[in-house]
Amino acid sequence: MTTNNKDPLHGKTLEQILTELVEFYGWEQLGNMITIRCFTNDPSIKSSLHFLRRTPWARTKVENLYIYMKDQ
């Protein structure tokens, strides 16, 4: 049996979410949309993941932006 899960975060890792956001928006626009240093100063997936995994409010913003992007 297969189920249709309508949650766009279901089965996605934080790394997959961040990678898709960077591919869609780019680091500069992502940094303008969510103003955190790991997106604006020498951004990388690794440093951003490190910060997002330890900062719940920032992770929530990234997840909400991902859901918004998927709804477009």
C-alpha atoms as a PDB file:
ATOM      1  CA  MET A   1       0.000   0.000   0.000  1.00  0.00           C
ATOM      2  CA  THR A   2       1.234   3.472  -0.821  1.00  0.00           C
ATOM      3  CA  THR A   3       0.068   6.571   0.946  1.00  0.00           C
ATOM      4  CA  ASN A   4       0.137  10.114  -0.349  1.00  0.00           C
ATOM      5  CA  ASN A   5       1.737  12.314   2.253  1.00  0.00           C
ATOM      6  CA  LYS A   6       1.044  15.950   1.458  1.00  0.00           C
ATOM      7  CA  ASP A   7       3.689  17.251   3.858  1.00  0.00           C
ATOM      8  CA  PRO A   8       6.509  18.615   1.644  1.00  0.00           C
ATOM      9  CA  LEU A   9       8.997  18.027   4.492  1.00  0.00           C
ATOM     10  CA  HIS A  10       8.144  14.322   4.775  1.00  0.00           C
ATOM     11  CA  GLY A  11      11.159  12.186   3.965  1.00  0.00           C
ATOM     12  CA  LYS A  12      13.428  15.198   3.348  1.00  0.00           C
ATOM     13  CA  THR A  13      16.644  15.733   5.235  1.00  0.00           C
ATOM     14  CA  LEU A  14      17.714  19.214   6.236  1.00  0.00           C
ATOM     15  CA  GLU A  15      20.574  18.911   3.749  1.00  0.00           C
ATOM     16  CA  GLN A  16      18.159  18.122   0.897  1.00  0.00           C
ATOM     17  CA  ILE A  17      15.921  21.044   1.860  1.00  0.00           C
ATOM     18  CA  LEU A  18      18.827  23.475   2.036  1.00  0.00           C
ATOM     19  CA  THR A  19      20.312  22.241  -1.240  1.00  0.00           C
ATOM     20  CA  GLU A  20      17.000  22.705  -3.055  1.00  0.00           C
ATOM     21  CA  LEU A  21      16.611  26.213  -1.622  1.00  0.00           C
ATOM     22  CA  VAL A  22      20.127  27.187  -2.710  1.00  0.00           C
ATOM     23  CA  GLU A  23      19.540  25.779  -6.203  1.00  0.00           C
ATOM     24  CA  PHE A  24      16.236  27.645  -6.503  1.00  0.00           C
ATOM     25  CA  TYR A  25      17.107  30.998  -4.886  1.00  0.00           C
ATOM     26  CA  GLY A  26      20.915  31.121  -4.736  1.00  0.00           C
ATOM     27  CA  TRP A  27      22.884  32.124  -1.645  1.00  0.00           C
ATOM     28  CA  GLU A  28      22.479  35.884  -2.137  1.00  0.00           C
ATOM     29  CA  GLN A  29      18.687  35.835  -2.399  1.00  0.00           C
ATOM     30  CA  LEU A  30      18.431  33.226   0.355  1.00  0.00           C
ATOM     31  CA  GLY A  31      20.507  35.513   2.599  1.00  0.00           C
ATOM     32  CA  ASN A  32      18.189  38.406   1.789  1.00  0.00           C
ATOM     33  CA  MET A  33      15.108  36.342   2.611  1.00  0.00           C
ATOM     34  CA  ILE A  34      16.493  34.826   5.823  1.00  0.00           C
ATOM     35  CA  THR A  35      19.124  37.105   7.290  1.00  0.00           C
ATOM     36  CA  ILE A  36      21.566  34.839   9.051  1.00  0.00           C
ATOM     37  CA  ARG A  37      25.358  34.997   8.744  1.00  0.00           C
ATOM     38  CA  CYS A  38      25.766  31.455   7.456  1.00  0.00           C
ATOM     39  CA  PHE A  39      23.806  32.546   4.342  1.00  0.00           C
ATOM     40  CA  THR A  40      25.443  35.948   3.893  1.00  0.00           C
ATOM     41  CA  ASN A  41      29.123  35.571   4.874  1.00  0.00           C
ATOM     42  CA  ASP A  42      31.074  32.892   2.986  1.00  0.00           C
ATOM     43  CA  PRO A  43      28.076  30.526   2.754  1.00  0.00           C
ATOM     44  CA  SER A  44      28.377  26.771   2.402  1.00  0.00           C
ATOM     45  CA  ILE A  45      26.046  23.842   2.883  1.00  0.00           C
ATOM     46  CA  LYS A  46      28.254  22.418   5.640  1.00  0.00           C
ATOM     47  CA  SER A  47      28.442  25.592   7.749  1.00  0.00           C
ATOM     48  CA  SER A  48      24.737  26.298   7.251  1.00  0.00           C
ATOM     49  CA  LEU A  49      23.763  22.777   8.317  1.00  0.00           C
ATOM     50  CA  HIS A  50      25.925  23.114  11.420  1.00  0.00           C
ATOM     51  CA  PHE A  51      24.144  26.340  12.397  1.00  0.00           C
ATOM     52  CA  LEU A  52      20.630  25.208  11.468  1.00  0.00           C
ATOM     53  CA  ARG A  53      20.886  21.965  13.431  1.00  0.00           C
ATOM     54  CA  ARG A  54      21.699  23.949  16.586  1.00  0.00           C
ATOM     55  CA  THR A  55      19.320  26.858  16.086  1.00  0.00           C
ATOM     56  CA  PRO A  56      15.628  25.857  16.066  1.00  0.00           C
ATOM     57  CA  TRP A  57      14.246  29.294  15.095  1.00  0.00           C
ATOM     58  CA  ALA A  58      16.493  29.444  12.018  1.00  0.00           C
ATOM     59  CA  ARG A  59      15.635  25.887  10.999  1.00  0.00           C
ATOM     60  CA  THR A  60      11.938  26.743  11.263  1.00  0.00           C
ATOM     61  CA  LYS A  61      12.427  29.724   8.943  1.00  0.00           C
ATOM     62  CA  VAL A  62      14.250  27.525   6.411  1.00  0.00           C
ATOM     63  CA  GLU A  63      11.555  24.857   6.556  1.00  0.00           C
ATOM     64  CA  ASN A  64       8.797  27.457   6.154  1.00  0.00           C
ATOM     65  CA  LEU A  65      10.573  28.967   3.145  1.00  0.00           C
ATOM     66  CA  TYR A  66      10.899  25.487   1.634  1.00  0.00           C
ATOM     67  CA  ILE A  67       7.167  24.869   2.063  1.00  0.00           C
ATOM     68  CA  TYR A  68       6.447  28.259   0.488  1.00  0.00           C
ATOM     69  CA  MET A  69       8.751  27.436  -2.450  1.00  0.00           C
ATOM     70  CA  LYS A  70       7.031  24.087  -3.015  1.00  0.00           C
ATOM     71  CA  ASP A  71       3.584  25.740  -2.967  1.00  0.00           C
ATOM     72  CA  GLN A  72       4.548  28.118  -5.796  1.00  0.00           C
END
